[in-house]
Amino acid sequence: MAVSTMLQQAAELMAIGMVTVFVFLTVLVIIIQLMSLSIRRFFPTKKTTATTVEVVESDTISPRVVAAITAAIHQHRQQQN
């Protein structure tokens, strides 16, 4: 078998493989978009109202918060050992 014939067969096989992958990925994207469209149509998302969180600015930290943080750090360090 001549080298040119083998190269031609290799190019044909490569082209068939590339076309197959391209078609598969295109079909996959279309199917995913259709599924997304159908899910959004049959299961619409509920709009939620935004809740505001008030931030209290203070120069001091509550002793209870300091105690809770200290206990959490102590427990974490005990679990590491």
PDB file of N, CA and C in Angstrom:
ATOM      1  N   MET A   1       0.847  -1.165   0.000  1.00  0.00           N
ATOM      2  CA  MET A   1       0.000   0.000   0.000  1.00  0.00           C
ATOM      3  C   MET A   1       0.897   1.234   0.000  1.00  0.00           C
ATOM      4  N   ALA A   2       0.552   2.185  -0.827  1.00  0.00           N
ATOM      5  CA  ALA A   2       1.379   3.376  -0.973  1.00  0.00           C
ATOM      6  C   ALA A   2       1.134   4.323   0.192  1.00  0.00           C
ATOM      7  N   VAL A   3       2.145   5.125   0.438  1.00  0.00           N
ATOM      8  CA  VAL A   3       2.065   6.081   1.538  1.00  0.00           C
ATOM      9  C   VAL A   3       0.954   7.090   1.281  1.00  0.00           C
ATOM     10  N   SER A   4       0.781   7.510   0.047  1.00  0.00           N
ATOM     11  CA  SER A   4      -0.249   8.504  -0.256  1.00  0.00           C
ATOM     12  C   SER A   4      -1.653   7.932   0.006  1.00  0.00           C
ATOM     13  N   THR A   5      -1.845   6.659  -0.279  1.00  0.00           N
ATOM     14  CA  THR A   5      -3.137   6.031  -0.017  1.00  0.00           C
ATOM     15  C   THR A   5      -3.406   5.964   1.483  1.00  0.00           C
ATOM     16  N   MET A   6      -2.374   5.628   2.246  1.00  0.00           N
ATOM     17  CA  MET A   6      -2.524   5.567   3.693  1.00  0.00           C
ATOM     18  C   MET A   6      -2.812   6.948   4.271  1.00  0.00           C
ATOM     19  N   LEU A   7      -2.142   7.967   3.757  1.00  0.00           N
ATOM     20  CA  LEU A   7      -2.393   9.329   4.223  1.00  0.00           C
ATOM     21  C   LEU A   7      -3.805   9.774   3.869  1.00  0.00           C
ATOM     22  N   GLN A   8      -4.279   9.386   2.709  1.00  0.00           N
ATOM     23  CA  GLN A   8      -5.634   9.742   2.307  1.00  0.00           C
ATOM     24  C   GLN A   8      -6.653   9.061   3.210  1.00  0.00           C
ATOM     25  N   GLN A   9      -6.431   7.796   3.527  1.00  0.00           N
ATOM     26  CA  GLN A   9      -7.339   7.093   4.434  1.00  0.00           C
ATOM     27  C   GLN A   9      -7.301   7.702   5.839  1.00  0.00           C
ATOM     28  N   ALA A  10      -6.133   8.098   6.289  1.00  0.00           N
ATOM     29  CA  ALA A  10      -5.997   8.723   7.605  1.00  0.00           C
ATOM     30  C   ALA A  10      -6.742  10.054   7.639  1.00  0.00           C
ATOM     31  N   ALA A  11      -6.628  10.831   6.561  1.00  0.00           N
ATOM     32  CA  ALA A  11      -7.334  12.113   6.496  1.00  0.00           C
ATOM     33  C   ALA A  11      -8.844  11.897   6.473  1.00  0.00           C
ATOM     34  N   GLU A  12      -9.290  10.894   5.737  1.00  0.00           N
ATOM     35  CA  GLU A  12     -10.730  10.602   5.696  1.00  0.00           C
ATOM     36  C   GLU A  12     -11.239  10.173   7.074  1.00  0.00           C
ATOM     37  N   LEU A  13     -10.487   9.312   7.743  1.00  0.00           N
ATOM     38  CA  LEU A  13     -10.867   8.858   9.077  1.00  0.00           C
ATOM     39  C   LEU A  13     -10.890  10.023  10.063  1.00  0.00           C
ATOM     40  N   MET A  14      -9.909  10.911   9.961  1.00  0.00           N
ATOM     41  CA  MET A  14      -9.868  12.075  10.829  1.00  0.00           C
ATOM     42  C   MET A  14     -11.073  12.982  10.569  1.00  0.00           C
ATOM     43  N   ALA A  15     -11.401  13.206   9.309  1.00  0.00           N
ATOM     44  CA  ALA A  15     -12.546  14.054   8.963  1.00  0.00           C
ATOM     45  C   ALA A  15     -13.852  13.438   9.463  1.00  0.00           C
ATOM     46  N   ILE A  16     -13.994  12.128   9.299  1.00  0.00           N
ATOM     47  CA  ILE A  16     -15.205  11.457   9.785  1.00  0.00           C
ATOM     48  C   ILE A  16     -15.309  11.594  11.304  1.00  0.00           C
ATOM     49  N   GLY A  17     -14.204  11.411  11.990  1.00  0.00           N
ATOM     50  CA  GLY A  17     -14.197  11.549  13.448  1.00  0.00           C
ATOM     51  C   GLY A  17     -14.532  12.957  13.894  1.00  0.00           C
ATOM     52  N   MET A  18     -13.961  13.955  13.239  1.00  0.00           N
ATOM     53  CA  MET A  18     -14.221  15.347  13.617  1.00  0.00           C
ATOM     54  C   MET A  18     -15.674  15.729  13.352  1.00  0.00           C
ATOM     55  N   VAL A  19     -16.210  15.282  12.224  1.00  0.00           N
ATOM     56  CA  VAL A  19     -17.610  15.576  11.907  1.00  0.00           C
ATOM     57  C   VAL A  19     -18.525  14.894  12.915  1.00  0.00           C
ATOM     58  N   THR A  20     -18.195  13.656  13.281  1.00  0.00           N
ATOM     59  CA  THR A  20     -19.009  12.927  14.258  1.00  0.00           C
ATOM     60  C   THR A  20     -19.025  13.651  15.604  1.00  0.00           C
ATOM     61  N   VAL A  21     -17.882  14.086  16.065  1.00  0.00           N
ATOM     62  CA  VAL A  21     -17.806  14.801  17.341  1.00  0.00           C
ATOM     63  C   VAL A  21     -18.554  16.126  17.252  1.00  0.00           C
ATOM     64  N   PHE A  22     -18.389  16.852  16.171  1.00  0.00           N
ATOM     65  CA  PHE A  22     -19.067  18.130  16.004  1.00  0.00           C
ATOM     66  C   PHE A  22     -20.587  17.949  16.014  1.00  0.00           C
ATOM     67  N   VAL A  23     -21.078  16.950  15.272  1.00  0.00           N
ATOM     68  CA  VAL A  23     -22.521  16.701  15.231  1.00  0.00           C
ATOM     69  C   VAL A  23     -23.023  16.288  16.609  1.00  0.00           C
ATOM     70  N   PHE A  24     -22.295  15.428  17.299  1.00  0.00           N
ATOM     71  CA  PHE A  24     -22.700  14.986  18.626  1.00  0.00           C
ATOM     72  C   PHE A  24     -22.788  16.166  19.591  1.00  0.00           C
ATOM     73  N   LEU A  25     -21.760  17.010  19.609  1.00  0.00           N
ATOM     74  CA  LEU A  25     -21.768  18.148  20.518  1.00  0.00           C
ATOM     75  C   LEU A  25     -22.868  19.149  20.164  1.00  0.00           C
ATOM     76  N   THR A  26     -23.126  19.345  18.890  1.00  0.00           N
ATOM     77  CA  THR A  26     -24.204  20.241  18.478  1.00  0.00           C
ATOM     78  C   THR A  26     -25.557  19.707  18.943  1.00  0.00           C
ATOM     79  N   VAL A  27     -25.788  18.430  18.750  1.00  0.00           N
ATOM     80  CA  VAL A  27     -27.043  17.823  19.195  1.00  0.00           C
ATOM     81  C   VAL A  27     -27.150  17.901  20.712  1.00  0.00           C
ATOM     82  N   LEU A  28     -26.057  17.685  21.416  1.00  0.00           N
ATOM     83  CA  LEU A  28     -26.050  17.764  22.872  1.00  0.00           C
ATOM     84  C   LEU A  28     -26.424  19.160  23.353  1.00  0.00           C
ATOM     85  N   VAL A  29     -25.860  20.188  22.745  1.00  0.00           N
ATOM     86  CA  VAL A  29     -26.186  21.566  23.128  1.00  0.00           C
ATOM     87  C   VAL A  29     -27.653  21.862  22.858  1.00  0.00           C
ATOM     88  N   ILE A  30     -28.161  21.429  21.727  1.00  0.00           N
ATOM     89  CA  ILE A  30     -29.577  21.667  21.397  1.00  0.00           C
ATOM     90  C   ILE A  30     -30.482  20.964  22.402  1.00  0.00           C
ATOM     91  N   ILE A  31     -30.171  19.725  22.748  1.00  0.00           N
ATOM     92  CA  ILE A  31     -30.984  18.978  23.711  1.00  0.00           C
ATOM     93  C   ILE A  31     -30.956  19.656  25.078  1.00  0.00           C
ATOM     94  N   ILE A  32     -29.790  20.106  25.511  1.00  0.00           N
ATOM     95  CA  ILE A  32     -29.684  20.775  26.808  1.00  0.00           C
ATOM     96  C   ILE A  32     -30.475  22.071  26.816  1.00  0.00           C
ATOM     97  N   GLN A  33     -30.427  22.828  25.720  1.00  0.00           N
ATOM     98  CA  GLN A  33     -31.207  24.064  25.649  1.00  0.00           C
ATOM     99  C   GLN A  33     -32.702  23.775  25.668  1.00  0.00           C
ATOM    100  N   LEU A  34     -33.133  22.737  24.972  1.00  0.00           N
ATOM    101  CA  LEU A  34     -34.550  22.372  24.994  1.00  0.00           C
ATOM    102  C   LEU A  34     -34.994  21.924  26.387  1.00  0.00           C
ATOM    103  N   MET A  35     -34.149  21.173  27.063  1.00  0.00           N
ATOM    104  CA  MET A  35     -34.477  20.763  28.426  1.00  0.00           C
ATOM    105  C   MET A  35     -34.565  21.970  29.348  1.00  0.00           C
ATOM    106  N   SER A  36     -33.652  22.896  29.209  1.00  0.00           N
ATOM    107  CA  SER A  36     -33.678  24.104  30.032  1.00  0.00           C
ATOM    108  C   SER A  36     -34.930  24.916  29.760  1.00  0.00           C
ATOM    109  N   LEU A  37     -35.299  25.033  28.499  1.00  0.00           N
ATOM    110  CA  LEU A  37     -36.507  25.767  28.132  1.00  0.00           C
ATOM    111  C   LEU A  37     -37.747  25.103  28.713  1.00  0.00           C
ATOM    112  N   SER A  38     -37.819  23.782  28.622  1.00  0.00           N
ATOM    113  CA  SER A  38     -38.997  23.083  29.141  1.00  0.00           C
ATOM    114  C   SER A  38     -39.064  23.170  30.664  1.00  0.00           C
ATOM    115  N   ILE A  39     -37.931  23.093  31.334  1.00  0.00           N
ATOM    116  CA  ILE A  39     -37.939  23.197  32.792  1.00  0.00           C
ATOM    117  C   ILE A  39     -38.383  24.592  33.214  1.00  0.00           C
ATOM    118  N   ARG A  40     -37.875  25.628  32.538  1.00  0.00           N
ATOM    119  CA  ARG A  40     -38.292  26.995  32.871  1.00  0.00           C
ATOM    120  C   ARG A  40     -39.768  27.215  32.573  1.00  0.00           C
ATOM    121  N   ARG A  41     -40.299  26.521  31.573  1.00  0.00           N
ATOM    122  CA  ARG A  41     -41.710  26.702  31.213  1.00  0.00           C
ATOM    123  C   ARG A  41     -42.626  26.017  32.218  1.00  0.00           C
ATOM    124  N   PHE A  42     -42.308  24.783  32.597  1.00  0.00           N
ATOM    125  CA  PHE A  42     -43.183  24.014  33.468  1.00  0.00           C
ATOM    126  C   PHE A  42     -42.911  24.239  34.954  1.00  0.00           C
ATOM    127  N   PHE A  43     -41.738  24.702  35.290  1.00  0.00           N
ATOM    128  CA  PHE A  43     -41.384  24.966  36.679  1.00  0.00           C
ATOM    129  C   PHE A  43     -40.792  26.370  36.800  1.00  0.00           C
ATOM    130  N   PRO A  44     -41.630  27.394  36.699  1.00  0.00           N
ATOM    131  CA  PRO A  44     -41.092  28.755  36.771  1.00  0.00           C
ATOM    132  C   PRO A  44     -40.544  29.046  38.171  1.00  0.00           C
ATOM    133  N   THR A  45     -39.553  29.914  38.212  1.00  0.00           N
ATOM    134  CA  THR A  45     -38.969  30.270  39.500  1.00  0.00           C
ATOM    135  C   THR A  45     -39.860  31.281  40.196  1.00  0.00           C
ATOM    136  N   LYS A  46     -39.918  31.152  41.482  1.00  0.00           N
ATOM    137  CA  LYS A  46     -40.712  32.088  42.261  1.00  0.00           C
ATOM    138  C   LYS A  46     -39.847  33.301  42.573  1.00  0.00           C
ATOM    139  N   LYS A  47     -40.413  34.472  42.388  1.00  0.00           N
ATOM    140  CA  LYS A  47     -39.675  35.679  42.689  1.00  0.00           C
ATOM    141  C   LYS A  47     -39.780  35.950  44.179  1.00  0.00           C
ATOM    142  N   THR A  48     -38.636  36.114  44.783  1.00  0.00           N
ATOM    143  CA  THR A  48     -38.607  36.366  46.211  1.00  0.00           C
ATOM    144  C   THR A  48     -38.303  37.831  46.453  1.00  0.00           C
ATOM    145  N   THR A  49     -38.798  38.328  47.547  1.00  0.00           N
ATOM    146  CA  THR A  49     -38.511  39.709  47.894  1.00  0.00           C
ATOM    147  C   THR A  49     -37.192  39.750  48.641  1.00  0.00           C
ATOM    148  N   ALA A  50     -36.442  40.766  48.368  1.00  0.00           N
ATOM    149  CA  ALA A  50     -35.145  40.906  49.011  1.00  0.00           C
ATOM    150  C   ALA A  50     -35.342  41.364  50.449  1.00  0.00           C
ATOM    151  N   THR A  51     -34.634  40.734  51.340  1.00  0.00           N
ATOM    152  CA  THR A  51     -34.694  41.135  52.737  1.00  0.00           C
ATOM    153  C   THR A  51     -33.456  41.950  53.053  1.00  0.00           C
ATOM    154  N   THR A  52     -33.651  42.949  53.849  1.00  0.00           N
ATOM    155  CA  THR A  52     -32.513  43.790  54.218  1.00  0.00           C
ATOM    156  C   THR A  52     -32.026  43.388  55.599  1.00  0.00           C
ATOM    157  N   VAL A  53     -30.744  43.427  55.743  1.00  0.00           N
ATOM    158  CA  VAL A  53     -30.123  43.111  57.014  1.00  0.00           C
ATOM    159  C   VAL A  53     -29.517  44.388  57.551  1.00  0.00           C
ATOM    160  N   GLU A  54     -29.918  44.729  58.743  1.00  0.00           N
ATOM    161  CA  GLU A  54     -29.370  45.928  59.349  1.00  0.00           C
ATOM    162  C   GLU A  54     -28.046  45.597  60.010  1.00  0.00           C
ATOM    163  N   VAL A  55     -27.063  46.395  59.713  1.00  0.00           N
ATOM    164  CA  VAL A  55     -25.753  46.200  60.295  1.00  0.00           C
ATOM    165  C   VAL A  55     -25.584  47.247  61.381  1.00  0.00           C
ATOM    166  N   VAL A  56     -25.336  46.773  62.573  1.00  0.00           N
ATOM    167  CA  VAL A  56     -25.134  47.685  63.689  1.00  0.00           C
ATOM    168  C   VAL A  56     -23.644  47.935  63.805  1.00  0.00           C
ATOM    169  N   GLU A  57     -23.286  49.177  63.635  1.00  0.00           N
ATOM    170  CA  GLU A  57     -21.873  49.524  63.745  1.00  0.00           C
ATOM    171  C   GLU A  57     -21.578  49.875  65.190  1.00  0.00           C
ATOM    172  N   SER A  58     -20.554  49.239  65.686  1.00  0.00           N
ATOM    173  CA  SER A  58     -20.195  49.451  67.072  1.00  0.00           C
ATOM    174  C   SER A  58     -18.688  49.367  67.202  1.00  0.00           C
ATOM    175  N   ASP A  59     -18.162  50.099  68.129  1.00  0.00           N
ATOM    176  CA  ASP A  59     -16.718  50.075  68.350  1.00  0.00           C
ATOM    177  C   ASP A  59     -16.309  48.912  69.249  1.00  0.00           C
ATOM    178  N   THR A  60     -17.256  48.358  69.976  1.00  0.00           N
ATOM    179  CA  THR A  60     -16.925  47.280  70.894  1.00  0.00           C
ATOM    180  C   THR A  60     -17.581  45.985  70.418  1.00  0.00           C
ATOM    181  N   ILE A  61     -16.942  44.876  70.746  1.00  0.00           N
ATOM    182  CA  ILE A  61     -17.473  43.560  70.420  1.00  0.00           C
ATOM    183  C   ILE A  61     -18.054  42.979  71.699  1.00  0.00           C
ATOM    184  N   SER A  62     -19.204  42.390  71.576  1.00  0.00           N
ATOM    185  CA  SER A  62     -19.882  41.816  72.730  1.00  0.00           C
ATOM    186  C   SER A  62     -19.032  40.714  73.349  1.00  0.00           C
ATOM    187  N   PRO A  63     -18.968  40.678  74.651  1.00  0.00           N
ATOM    188  CA  PRO A  63     -18.192  39.613  75.321  1.00  0.00           C
ATOM    189  C   PRO A  63     -18.729  38.221  74.993  1.00  0.00           C
ATOM    190  N   ARG A  64     -20.025  38.111  74.748  1.00  0.00           N
ATOM    191  CA  ARG A  64     -20.594  36.811  74.389  1.00  0.00           C
ATOM    192  C   ARG A  64     -20.066  36.351  73.037  1.00  0.00           C
ATOM    193  N   VAL A  65     -19.903  37.287  72.106  1.00  0.00           N
ATOM    194  CA  VAL A  65     -19.366  36.944  70.781  1.00  0.00           C
ATOM    195  C   VAL A  65     -17.913  36.511  70.904  1.00  0.00           C
ATOM    196  N   VAL A  66     -17.143  37.232  71.713  1.00  0.00           N
ATOM    197  CA  VAL A  66     -15.738  36.873  71.916  1.00  0.00           C
ATOM    198  C   VAL A  66     -15.646  35.484  72.536  1.00  0.00           C
ATOM    199  N   ALA A  67     -16.498  35.183  73.508  1.00  0.00           N
ATOM    200  CA  ALA A  67     -16.480  33.865  74.148  1.00  0.00           C
ATOM    201  C   ALA A  67     -16.847  32.770  73.153  1.00  0.00           C
ATOM    202  N   ALA A  68     -17.825  33.030  72.297  1.00  0.00           N
ATOM    203  CA  ALA A  68     -18.234  32.027  71.308  1.00  0.00           C
ATOM    204  C   ALA A  68     -17.112  31.767  70.300  1.00  0.00           C
ATOM    205  N   ILE A  69     -16.454  32.818  69.847  1.00  0.00           N
ATOM    206  CA  ILE A  69     -15.351  32.663  68.885  1.00  0.00           C
ATOM    207  C   ILE A  69     -14.203  31.905  69.534  1.00  0.00           C
ATOM    208  N   THR A  70     -13.883  32.260  70.779  1.00  0.00           N
ATOM    209  CA  THR A  70     -12.798  31.581  71.483  1.00  0.00           C
ATOM    210  C   THR A  70     -13.104  30.098  71.657  1.00  0.00           C
ATOM    211  N   ALA A  71     -14.329  29.779  72.029  1.00  0.00           N
ATOM    212  CA  ALA A  71     -14.706  28.374  72.194  1.00  0.00           C
ATOM    213  C   ALA A  71     -14.641  27.624  70.875  1.00  0.00           C
ATOM    214  N   ALA A  72     -15.059  28.258  69.789  1.00  0.00           N
ATOM    215  CA  ALA A  72     -15.015  27.608  68.476  1.00  0.00           C
ATOM    216  C   ALA A  72     -13.579  27.339  68.049  1.00  0.00           C
ATOM    217  N   ILE A  73     -12.699  28.307  68.266  1.00  0.00           N
ATOM    218  CA  ILE A  73     -11.283  28.126  67.906  1.00  0.00           C
ATOM    219  C   ILE A  73     -10.678  27.015  68.751  1.00  0.00           C
ATOM    220  N   HIS A  74     -10.978  27.000  70.053  1.00  0.00           N
ATOM    221  CA  HIS A  74     -10.458  25.958  70.933  1.00  0.00           C
ATOM    222  C   HIS A  74     -10.920  24.577  70.483  1.00  0.00           C
ATOM    223  N   GLN A  75     -12.207  24.456  70.142  1.00  0.00           N
ATOM    224  CA  GLN A  75     -12.747  23.171  69.702  1.00  0.00           C
ATOM    225  C   GLN A  75     -12.110  22.744  68.382  1.00  0.00           C
ATOM    226  N   HIS A  76     -11.900  23.685  67.474  1.00  0.00           N
ATOM    227  CA  HIS A  76     -11.277  23.369  66.188  1.00  0.00           C
ATOM    228  C   HIS A  76      -9.851  22.867  66.393  1.00  0.00           C
ATOM    229  N   ARG A  77      -9.118  23.525  67.264  1.00  0.00           N
ATOM    230  CA  ARG A  77      -7.725  23.112  67.516  1.00  0.00           C
ATOM    231  C   ARG A  77      -7.674  21.745  68.177  1.00  0.00           C
ATOM    232  N   GLN A  78      -8.638  21.440  69.039  1.00  0.00           N
ATOM    233  CA  GLN A  78      -8.668  20.129  69.690  1.00  0.00           C
ATOM    234  C   GLN A  78      -8.944  19.024  68.668  1.00  0.00           C
ATOM    235  N   GLN A  79      -9.786  19.307  67.673  1.00  0.00           N
ATOM    236  CA  GLN A  79     -10.089  18.312  66.660  1.00  0.00           C
ATOM    237  C   GLN A  79      -8.911  18.091  65.716  1.00  0.00           C
ATOM    238  N   GLN A  80      -8.065  19.105  65.533  1.00  0.00           N
ATOM    239  CA  GLN A  80      -6.911  18.983  64.642  1.00  0.00           C
ATOM    240  C   GLN A  80      -5.853  18.068  65.230  1.00  0.00           C
ATOM    241  N   ASN A  81      -5.742  18.013  66.553  1.00  0.00           N
ATOM    242  CA  ASN A  81      -4.705  17.198  67.203  1.00  0.00           C
ATOM    243  C   ASN A  81      -5.127  15.789  67.386  1.00  0.00           C
TER     244      ASN A  81
END
